[in-house]
Amino acid sequence: MAAASPLTGPTPAPLADLPASGTEPDGARRVRLLSYNIRSLRDDREALVRVIRACRPDIVCLQEAPRYWKPLKQAAWLAHRTGTVILSGGGRIAAGPLIIGRLGCEVLATRDRLLPKTRGLHARGFATAVLRIGGSAPFTVTSCHLSLDPAERLRQFDLLPGQLEGVELGLIAGDFNEHPEDPGWRRLAARYQDAHPAAPWGGTFTSVPDRPHQRIDAVFATPGIEVLGCGVPVGLPGVQQADLSAATDHLPVLAAVRVPAAT
């Protein structure tokens, strides 16, 4: 029987890792992407850093990055501590979403967008980068954090495909504040691959860390990208239960995908 953790209950069995990053014989690129709501770095920053580093991502899509008190300085701190650089977002236009990644990520363009705002609700935005890694085809990566208001959130779901305009391949990752059976999520899943059910791996529920009971965070991929595995990395070697509980109020989602080679 698994040992009990005072923070999160039974310690999960070790989880086999997803495929490592790298180039395949045909030139396609295996890419690891992590999506994580970091609650403005208000919790245990060192625990957060340990979780991110243990997942060994090429790209990290963050939600609720600090945006009021020295946001660029705080984003730079997190990038430095995780061995990454800022790719897109992190300012007032993206309004919370931030994309960081390894030095091998070539940024071809950025498409950060501040979304229309309903009076009385928080400002929301998208952080988007058009990337190429090694010999891969160009692909977009979008980090998003959608509204708590159902009507506004549905409109935001409808705006997400526009972030991929002109680029065939893309990934959308974020905190959607919605469940898979709800209308906006179903609409997005009808167009793109919902990565966890497409290639189940790890845990399913992302909220809350001490009592996971709902899936509101996810990664979506365009049909041209092969999903190799996706889920919550509970039990992944190096990812400690105590760190997951201390880092923030969401669990991360880790995906491994195969991006085709450039033609």
C-alpha atoms as a PDB file:
ATOM      1  CA  MET A   1       0.000   0.000   0.000  1.00  0.00           C
ATOM      2  CA  ALA A   2       1.234   3.510  -0.785  1.00  0.00           C
ATOM      3  CA  ALA A   3       2.490   5.595   2.108  1.00  0.00           C
ATOM      4  CA  ALA A   4       0.244   8.360   3.359  1.00  0.00           C
ATOM      5  CA  SER A   5       1.102  12.006   2.799  1.00  0.00           C
ATOM      6  CA  PRO A   6      -0.119  14.486   5.438  1.00  0.00           C
ATOM      7  CA  LEU A   7      -0.905  16.980   2.677  1.00  0.00           C
ATOM      8  CA  THR A   8      -2.453  14.968  -0.108  1.00  0.00           C
ATOM      9  CA  GLY A   9      -3.322  11.494   1.178  1.00  0.00           C
ATOM     10  CA  PRO A  10      -1.787   8.337  -0.276  1.00  0.00           C
ATOM     11  CA  THR A  11       1.441   8.814  -2.181  1.00  0.00           C
ATOM     12  CA  PRO A  12       0.804   7.773  -5.806  1.00  0.00           C
ATOM     13  CA  ALA A  13       2.704   5.000  -7.487  1.00  0.00           C
ATOM     14  CA  PRO A  14       5.648   6.111  -9.643  1.00  0.00           C
ATOM     15  CA  LEU A  15       4.523   7.380 -13.038  1.00  0.00           C
ATOM     16  CA  ALA A  16       6.370   6.426 -16.219  1.00  0.00           C
ATOM     17  CA  ASP A  17       7.647   9.569 -17.900  1.00  0.00           C
ATOM     18  CA  LEU A  18       6.390  10.942 -21.194  1.00  0.00           C
ATOM     19  CA  PRO A  19       8.675  10.795 -24.251  1.00  0.00           C
ATOM     20  CA  ALA A  20      11.707  13.034 -23.953  1.00  0.00           C
ATOM     21  CA  SER A  21      12.164  16.087 -26.140  1.00  0.00           C
ATOM     22  CA  GLY A  22      14.137  15.508 -29.300  1.00  0.00           C
ATOM     23  CA  THR A  23      14.258  15.138 -33.046  1.00  0.00           C
ATOM     24  CA  GLU A  24      12.916  12.074 -34.834  1.00  0.00           C
ATOM     25  CA  PRO A  25      14.505  10.475 -37.931  1.00  0.00           C
ATOM     26  CA  ASP A  26      12.042  12.211 -40.276  1.00  0.00           C
ATOM     27  CA  GLY A  27      12.838  15.608 -38.770  1.00  0.00           C
ATOM     28  CA  ALA A  28       9.705  15.848 -36.626  1.00  0.00           C
ATOM     29  CA  ARG A  29      10.180  17.291 -33.161  1.00  0.00           C
ATOM     30  CA  ARG A  30       8.995  15.857 -29.853  1.00  0.00           C
ATOM     31  CA  VAL A  31       7.953  18.771 -27.639  1.00  0.00           C
ATOM     32  CA  ARG A  32       7.018  18.790 -23.956  1.00  0.00           C
ATOM     33  CA  LEU A  33       4.562  21.517 -22.918  1.00  0.00           C
ATOM     34  CA  LEU A  34       3.488  22.343 -19.373  1.00  0.00           C
ATOM     35  CA  SER A  35       0.388  24.391 -18.537  1.00  0.00           C
ATOM     36  CA  TYR A  36       0.191  25.828 -15.020  1.00  0.00           C
ATOM     37  CA  ASN A  37      -1.886  28.429 -13.167  1.00  0.00           C
ATOM     38  CA  ILE A  38       0.640  29.981 -10.760  1.00  0.00           C
ATOM     39  CA  ARG A  39      -1.658  32.322  -8.798  1.00  0.00           C
ATOM     40  CA  SER A  40       0.525  35.405  -9.236  1.00  0.00           C
ATOM     41  CA  LEU A  41       3.469  33.709  -7.496  1.00  0.00           C
ATOM     42  CA  ARG A  42       1.704  34.236  -4.156  1.00  0.00           C
ATOM     43  CA  ASP A  43       2.492  30.781  -2.809  1.00  0.00           C
ATOM     44  CA  ASP A  44       5.752  28.830  -2.372  1.00  0.00           C
ATOM     45  CA  ARG A  45       7.896  30.021  -5.274  1.00  0.00           C
ATOM     46  CA  GLU A  46      10.652  27.499  -4.712  1.00  0.00           C
ATOM     47  CA  ALA A  47       8.143  24.636  -4.720  1.00  0.00           C
ATOM     48  CA  LEU A  48       6.777  25.989  -8.009  1.00  0.00           C
ATOM     49  CA  VAL A  49      10.261  26.100  -9.507  1.00  0.00           C
ATOM     50  CA  ARG A  50      10.934  22.517  -8.428  1.00  0.00           C
ATOM     51  CA  VAL A  51       7.709  21.264 -10.039  1.00  0.00           C
ATOM     52  CA  ILE A  52       8.393  23.035 -13.333  1.00  0.00           C
ATOM     53  CA  ARG A  53      11.998  21.845 -13.529  1.00  0.00           C
ATOM     54  CA  ALA A  54      11.045  18.250 -12.674  1.00  0.00           C
ATOM     55  CA  CYS A  55       8.602  18.177 -15.610  1.00  0.00           C
ATOM     56  CA  ARG A  56      11.430  19.118 -18.037  1.00  0.00           C
ATOM     57  CA  PRO A  57       9.228  21.157 -20.398  1.00  0.00           C
ATOM     58  CA  ASP A  58      10.361  22.846 -23.597  1.00  0.00           C
ATOM     59  CA  ILE A  59       7.486  25.316 -23.310  1.00  0.00           C
ATOM     60  CA  VAL A  60       5.554  26.494 -20.244  1.00  0.00           C
ATOM     61  CA  CYS A  61       2.147  28.147 -20.626  1.00  0.00           C
ATOM     62  CA  LEU A  62       1.442  30.038 -17.413  1.00  0.00           C
ATOM     63  CA  GLN A  63      -1.763  31.607 -16.191  1.00  0.00           C
ATOM     64  CA  GLU A  64      -2.089  34.275 -13.493  1.00  0.00           C
ATOM     65  CA  ALA A  65       1.467  35.474 -13.933  1.00  0.00           C
ATOM     66  CA  PRO A  66       2.029  38.658 -11.869  1.00  0.00           C
ATOM     67  CA  ARG A  67       0.743  41.669 -13.786  1.00  0.00           C
ATOM     68  CA  TYR A  68       0.557  44.590 -11.350  1.00  0.00           C
ATOM     69  CA  TRP A  69       3.729  44.711  -9.233  1.00  0.00           C
ATOM     70  CA  LYS A  70       6.873  44.645 -11.417  1.00  0.00           C
ATOM     71  CA  PRO A  71       5.458  41.946 -13.721  1.00  0.00           C
ATOM     72  CA  LEU A  72       8.424  41.798 -16.099  1.00  0.00           C
ATOM     73  CA  LYS A  73      10.898  41.524 -13.238  1.00  0.00           C
ATOM     74  CA  GLN A  74       8.916  38.687 -11.664  1.00  0.00           C
ATOM     75  CA  ALA A  75       8.537  36.897 -15.005  1.00  0.00           C
ATOM     76  CA  ALA A  76      12.275  37.226 -15.563  1.00  0.00           C
ATOM     77  CA  TRP A  77      12.940  35.760 -12.107  1.00  0.00           C
ATOM     78  CA  LEU A  78      10.787  32.713 -12.841  1.00  0.00           C
ATOM     79  CA  ALA A  79      12.336  32.220 -16.270  1.00  0.00           C
ATOM     80  CA  HIS A  80      15.840  32.410 -14.821  1.00  0.00           C
ATOM     81  CA  ARG A  81      15.061  29.971 -12.002  1.00  0.00           C
ATOM     82  CA  THR A  82      13.506  27.439 -14.386  1.00  0.00           C
ATOM     83  CA  GLY A  83      16.202  27.648 -17.052  1.00  0.00           C
ATOM     84  CA  THR A  84      13.914  29.289 -19.597  1.00  0.00           C
ATOM     85  CA  VAL A  85      13.398  32.630 -21.341  1.00  0.00           C
ATOM     86  CA  ILE A  86      10.287  34.737 -21.879  1.00  0.00           C
ATOM     87  CA  LEU A  87       8.656  33.966 -25.233  1.00  0.00           C
ATOM     88  CA  SER A  88       5.406  35.947 -25.071  1.00  0.00           C
ATOM     89  CA  GLY A  89       2.920  37.571 -22.706  1.00  0.00           C
ATOM     90  CA  GLY A  90       3.540  38.629 -19.155  1.00  0.00           C
ATOM     91  CA  GLY A  91       2.432  42.237 -19.668  1.00  0.00           C
ATOM     92  CA  ARG A  92      -0.779  44.206 -19.479  1.00  0.00           C
ATOM     93  CA  ILE A  93      -1.926  43.188 -22.973  1.00  0.00           C
ATOM     94  CA  ALA A  94      -1.970  39.456 -22.229  1.00  0.00           C
ATOM     95  CA  ALA A  95      -3.388  40.292 -18.754  1.00  0.00           C
ATOM     96  CA  GLY A  96      -1.963  37.301 -16.908  1.00  0.00           C
ATOM     97  CA  PRO A  97      -0.989  34.580 -19.399  1.00  0.00           C
ATOM     98  CA  LEU A  98       2.753  34.165 -19.977  1.00  0.00           C
ATOM     99  CA  ILE A  99       4.770  31.785 -22.155  1.00  0.00           C
ATOM    100  CA  ILE A 100       8.318  30.834 -21.235  1.00  0.00           C
ATOM    101  CA  GLY A 101      10.508  28.241 -22.923  1.00  0.00           C
ATOM    102  CA  ARG A 102      13.954  26.852 -23.490  1.00  0.00           C
ATOM    103  CA  LEU A 103      16.540  28.730 -25.512  1.00  0.00           C
ATOM    104  CA  GLY A 104      15.986  26.373 -28.468  1.00  0.00           C
ATOM    105  CA  CYS A 105      12.513  27.831 -29.048  1.00  0.00           C
ATOM    106  CA  GLU A 106      12.760  30.263 -31.959  1.00  0.00           C
ATOM    107  CA  VAL A 107      10.101  32.978 -31.765  1.00  0.00           C
ATOM    108  CA  LEU A 108       8.853  33.845 -35.254  1.00  0.00           C
ATOM    109  CA  ALA A 109       6.078  36.193 -34.077  1.00  0.00           C
ATOM    110  CA  THR A 110       4.017  37.132 -31.024  1.00  0.00           C
ATOM    111  CA  ARG A 111       0.261  37.715 -30.948  1.00  0.00           C
ATOM    112  CA  ASP A 112      -0.674  38.852 -27.458  1.00  0.00           C
ATOM    113  CA  ARG A 113      -4.242  40.101 -27.245  1.00  0.00           C
ATOM    114  CA  LEU A 114      -6.264  41.984 -24.654  1.00  0.00           C
ATOM    115  CA  LEU A 115      -9.850  40.727 -24.778  1.00  0.00           C
ATOM    116  CA  PRO A 116     -13.073  42.748 -24.684  1.00  0.00           C
ATOM    117  CA  LYS A 117     -13.988  43.270 -21.041  1.00  0.00           C
ATOM    118  CA  THR A 118     -17.349  43.091 -19.316  1.00  0.00           C
ATOM    119  CA  ARG A 119     -17.841  45.911 -16.821  1.00  0.00           C
ATOM    120  CA  GLY A 120     -17.088  44.712 -13.293  1.00  0.00           C
ATOM    121  CA  LEU A 121     -15.088  41.658 -14.364  1.00  0.00           C
ATOM    122  CA  HIS A 122     -11.329  41.083 -14.517  1.00  0.00           C
ATOM    123  CA  ALA A 123      -9.405  41.982 -17.654  1.00  0.00           C
ATOM    124  CA  ARG A 124      -8.424  38.864 -19.617  1.00  0.00           C
ATOM    125  CA  GLY A 125      -6.081  38.242 -22.510  1.00  0.00           C
ATOM    126  CA  PHE A 126      -4.209  35.693 -24.595  1.00  0.00           C
ATOM    127  CA  ALA A 127      -0.453  35.204 -24.858  1.00  0.00           C
ATOM    128  CA  THR A 128       0.512  33.666 -28.192  1.00  0.00           C
ATOM    129  CA  ALA A 129       3.860  32.922 -29.815  1.00  0.00           C
ATOM    130  CA  VAL A 130       4.548  31.452 -33.238  1.00  0.00           C
ATOM    131  CA  LEU A 131       7.469  29.098 -32.659  1.00  0.00           C
ATOM    132  CA  ARG A 132       9.864  26.792 -34.415  1.00  0.00           C
ATOM    133  CA  ILE A 133      12.058  24.283 -32.572  1.00  0.00           C
ATOM    134  CA  GLY A 134      14.940  22.834 -34.526  1.00  0.00           C
ATOM    135  CA  GLY A 135      13.673  21.646 -37.885  1.00  0.00           C
ATOM    136  CA  SER A 136       9.996  21.602 -36.916  1.00  0.00           C
ATOM    137  CA  ALA A 137       7.273  23.272 -38.889  1.00  0.00           C
ATOM    138  CA  PRO A 138       6.122  26.598 -37.389  1.00  0.00           C
ATOM    139  CA  PHE A 139       3.387  26.235 -34.773  1.00  0.00           C
ATOM    140  CA  THR A 140       1.475  28.560 -32.495  1.00  0.00           C
ATOM    141  CA  VAL A 141       1.312  28.248 -28.726  1.00  0.00           C
ATOM    142  CA  THR A 142      -1.414  30.101 -26.830  1.00  0.00           C
ATOM    143  CA  SER A 143      -1.768  30.451 -23.068  1.00  0.00           C
ATOM    144  CA  CYS A 144      -5.175  31.547 -21.806  1.00  0.00           C
ATOM    145  CA  HIS A 145      -7.158  32.027 -18.614  1.00  0.00           C
ATOM    146  CA  LEU A 146     -10.846  32.373 -19.346  1.00  0.00           C
ATOM    147  CA  SER A 147     -13.548  34.239 -17.470  1.00  0.00           C
ATOM    148  CA  LEU A 148     -15.578  33.008 -14.513  1.00  0.00           C
ATOM    149  CA  ASP A 149     -18.673  34.518 -16.145  1.00  0.00           C
ATOM    150  CA  PRO A 150     -20.311  31.913 -18.444  1.00  0.00           C
ATOM    151  CA  ALA A 151     -21.426  34.332 -21.178  1.00  0.00           C
ATOM    152  CA  GLU A 152     -18.104  36.168 -21.345  1.00  0.00           C
ATOM    153  CA  ARG A 153     -16.219  32.866 -21.198  1.00  0.00           C
ATOM    154  CA  LEU A 154     -18.147  31.472 -24.173  1.00  0.00           C
ATOM    155  CA  ARG A 155     -17.212  34.537 -26.222  1.00  0.00           C
ATOM    156  CA  GLN A 156     -13.566  34.028 -25.238  1.00  0.00           C
ATOM    157  CA  PHE A 157     -13.668  30.395 -26.337  1.00  0.00           C
ATOM    158  CA  ASP A 158     -14.873  31.596 -29.732  1.00  0.00           C
ATOM    159  CA  LEU A 159     -11.904  33.978 -30.035  1.00  0.00           C
ATOM    160  CA  LEU A 160      -9.234  31.335 -29.395  1.00  0.00           C
ATOM    161  CA  PRO A 161      -9.085  29.896 -32.952  1.00  0.00           C
ATOM    162  CA  GLY A 162      -8.199  33.369 -34.237  1.00  0.00           C
ATOM    163  CA  GLN A 163      -4.858  33.120 -32.419  1.00  0.00           C
ATOM    164  CA  LEU A 164      -3.856  30.342 -34.855  1.00  0.00           C
ATOM    165  CA  GLU A 165      -4.775  32.278 -38.007  1.00  0.00           C
ATOM    166  CA  GLY A 166      -2.384  31.663 -40.884  1.00  0.00           C
ATOM    167  CA  VAL A 167      -0.509  28.860 -39.119  1.00  0.00           C
ATOM    168  CA  GLU A 168      -1.680  25.289 -39.686  1.00  0.00           C
ATOM    169  CA  LEU A 169      -0.307  23.791 -36.460  1.00  0.00           C
ATOM    170  CA  GLY A 170      -0.987  24.982 -32.945  1.00  0.00           C
ATOM    171  CA  LEU A 171      -1.405  24.283 -29.241  1.00  0.00           C
ATOM    172  CA  ILE A 172      -3.795  26.004 -26.830  1.00  0.00           C
ATOM    173  CA  ALA A 173      -3.212  25.547 -23.110  1.00  0.00           C
ATOM    174  CA  GLY A 174      -4.744  27.121 -20.083  1.00  0.00           C
ATOM    175  CA  ASP A 175      -7.165  27.438 -17.233  1.00  0.00           C
ATOM    176  CA  PHE A 176     -10.548  27.378 -18.942  1.00  0.00           C
ATOM    177  CA  ASN A 177     -12.694  27.777 -15.801  1.00  0.00           C
ATOM    178  CA  GLU A 178     -15.078  25.282 -17.366  1.00  0.00           C
ATOM    179  CA  HIS A 179     -15.666  21.537 -17.397  1.00  0.00           C
ATOM    180  CA  PRO A 180     -15.398  19.246 -20.431  1.00  0.00           C
ATOM    181  CA  GLU A 181     -19.174  18.839 -20.663  1.00  0.00           C
ATOM    182  CA  ASP A 182     -19.806  22.591 -20.839  1.00  0.00           C
ATOM    183  CA  PRO A 183     -20.560  24.406 -24.123  1.00  0.00           C
ATOM    184  CA  GLY A 184     -17.348  26.342 -24.723  1.00  0.00           C
ATOM    185  CA  TRP A 185     -15.115  23.358 -23.979  1.00  0.00           C
ATOM    186  CA  ARG A 186     -17.226  21.092 -26.214  1.00  0.00           C
ATOM    187  CA  ARG A 187     -17.030  23.645 -29.015  1.00  0.00           C
ATOM    188  CA  LEU A 188     -13.216  23.806 -28.779  1.00  0.00           C
ATOM    189  CA  ALA A 189     -12.911  20.001 -28.499  1.00  0.00           C
ATOM    190  CA  ALA A 190     -14.978  19.584 -31.661  1.00  0.00           C
ATOM    191  CA  ARG A 191     -12.353  21.552 -33.576  1.00  0.00           C
ATOM    192  CA  TYR A 192      -9.120  20.499 -31.838  1.00  0.00           C
ATOM    193  CA  GLN A 193      -7.816  17.481 -29.939  1.00  0.00           C
ATOM    194  CA  ASP A 194      -8.392  17.574 -26.194  1.00  0.00           C
ATOM    195  CA  ALA A 195      -4.973  16.145 -25.374  1.00  0.00           C
ATOM    196  CA  HIS A 196      -5.717  14.237 -22.157  1.00  0.00           C
ATOM    197  CA  PRO A 197      -8.533  12.026 -23.486  1.00  0.00           C
ATOM    198  CA  ALA A 198      -6.706  11.783 -26.834  1.00  0.00           C
ATOM    199  CA  ALA A 199      -3.655  10.211 -25.139  1.00  0.00           C
ATOM    200  CA  PRO A 200      -4.373   9.657 -21.426  1.00  0.00           C
ATOM    201  CA  TRP A 201      -1.424   9.792 -19.054  1.00  0.00           C
ATOM    202  CA  GLY A 202      -1.046  10.740 -15.403  1.00  0.00           C
ATOM    203  CA  GLY A 203      -3.911  12.263 -13.467  1.00  0.00           C
ATOM    204  CA  THR A 204      -7.099  13.833 -14.788  1.00  0.00           C
ATOM    205  CA  PHE A 205      -8.309  16.412 -12.265  1.00  0.00           C
ATOM    206  CA  THR A 206      -6.473  19.744 -11.939  1.00  0.00           C
ATOM    207  CA  SER A 207      -8.280  21.513  -9.116  1.00  0.00           C
ATOM    208  CA  VAL A 208      -7.625  21.719  -6.222  1.00  0.00           C
ATOM    209  CA  PRO A 209      -4.211  20.194  -5.348  1.00  0.00           C
ATOM    210  CA  ASP A 210      -5.190  18.780  -1.945  1.00  0.00           C
ATOM    211  CA  ARG A 211      -8.547  17.492  -3.184  1.00  0.00           C
ATOM    212  CA  PRO A 212      -8.531  17.151  -6.983  1.00  0.00           C
ATOM    213  CA  HIS A 213     -12.122  16.786  -8.150  1.00  0.00           C
ATOM    214  CA  GLN A 214     -12.513  18.723 -11.401  1.00  0.00           C
ATOM    215  CA  ARG A 215     -10.718  19.189 -14.721  1.00  0.00           C
ATOM    216  CA  ILE A 216     -10.680  22.880 -15.668  1.00  0.00           C
ATOM    217  CA  ASP A 217      -7.128  23.072 -17.089  1.00  0.00           C
ATOM    218  CA  ALA A 218      -6.183  21.445 -20.379  1.00  0.00           C
ATOM    219  CA  VAL A 219      -4.088  21.355 -23.535  1.00  0.00           C
ATOM    220  CA  PHE A 220      -5.643  21.317 -27.022  1.00  0.00           C
ATOM    221  CA  ALA A 221      -3.800  20.489 -30.250  1.00  0.00           C
ATOM    222  CA  THR A 222      -4.616  20.977 -33.908  1.00  0.00           C
ATOM    223  CA  PRO A 223      -5.172  17.775 -35.924  1.00  0.00           C
ATOM    224  CA  GLY A 224      -1.720  17.962 -37.547  1.00  0.00           C
ATOM    225  CA  ILE A 225       0.037  17.555 -34.190  1.00  0.00           C
ATOM    226  CA  GLU A 226       0.269  14.054 -32.698  1.00  0.00           C
ATOM    227  CA  VAL A 227      -0.431  13.894 -28.967  1.00  0.00           C
ATOM    228  CA  LEU A 228       1.905  11.363 -27.328  1.00  0.00           C
ATOM    229  CA  GLY A 229       0.523  11.731 -23.814  1.00  0.00           C
ATOM    230  CA  CYS A 230      -1.062  14.321 -21.548  1.00  0.00           C
ATOM    231  CA  GLY A 231      -2.169  14.642 -17.939  1.00  0.00           C
ATOM    232  CA  VAL A 232      -1.351  15.782 -14.433  1.00  0.00           C
ATOM    233  CA  PRO A 233       2.193  14.659 -13.523  1.00  0.00           C
ATOM    234  CA  VAL A 234       1.313  13.271 -10.075  1.00  0.00           C
ATOM    235  CA  GLY A 235       3.845  10.538  -9.336  1.00  0.00           C
ATOM    236  CA  LEU A 236       6.336  11.688 -11.950  1.00  0.00           C
ATOM    237  CA  PRO A 237       9.858  11.233 -10.544  1.00  0.00           C
ATOM    238  CA  GLY A 238      11.014  14.525  -9.039  1.00  0.00           C
ATOM    239  CA  VAL A 239       7.487  15.932  -8.671  1.00  0.00           C
ATOM    240  CA  GLN A 240       6.816  15.897  -4.944  1.00  0.00           C
ATOM    241  CA  GLN A 241       3.329  15.844  -3.445  1.00  0.00           C
ATOM    242  CA  ALA A 242       4.256  18.520  -0.930  1.00  0.00           C
ATOM    243  CA  ASP A 243       5.502  20.809  -3.697  1.00  0.00           C
ATOM    244  CA  LEU A 244       2.296  20.399  -5.709  1.00  0.00           C
ATOM    245  CA  SER A 245       0.280  21.441  -2.652  1.00  0.00           C
ATOM    246  CA  ALA A 246       2.536  24.369  -1.771  1.00  0.00           C
ATOM    247  CA  ALA A 247       3.218  25.803  -5.238  1.00  0.00           C
ATOM    248  CA  THR A 248      -0.227  27.144  -6.195  1.00  0.00           C
ATOM    249  CA  ASP A 249      -3.959  26.331  -6.132  1.00  0.00           C
ATOM    250  CA  HIS A 250      -3.984  24.322  -9.397  1.00  0.00           C
ATOM    251  CA  LEU A 251      -2.235  21.180 -10.555  1.00  0.00           C
ATOM    252  CA  PRO A 252      -0.137  21.403 -13.723  1.00  0.00           C
ATOM    253  CA  VAL A 253      -0.900  19.658 -17.010  1.00  0.00           C
ATOM    254  CA  LEU A 254       2.050  18.147 -18.892  1.00  0.00           C
ATOM    255  CA  ALA A 255       1.798  17.108 -22.539  1.00  0.00           C
ATOM    256  CA  ALA A 256       4.223  15.537 -24.985  1.00  0.00           C
ATOM    257  CA  VAL A 257       3.437  16.110 -28.653  1.00  0.00           C
ATOM    258  CA  ARG A 258       4.996  15.423 -32.020  1.00  0.00           C
ATOM    259  CA  VAL A 259       5.264  18.478 -34.292  1.00  0.00           C
ATOM    260  CA  PRO A 260       5.903  17.591 -37.961  1.00  0.00           C
ATOM    261  CA  ALA A 261       9.096  18.624 -39.704  1.00  0.00           C
ATOM    262  CA  ALA A 262       9.147  21.720 -41.864  1.00  0.00           C
ATOM    263  CA  THR A 263       8.436  21.031 -45.519  1.00  0.00           C
END
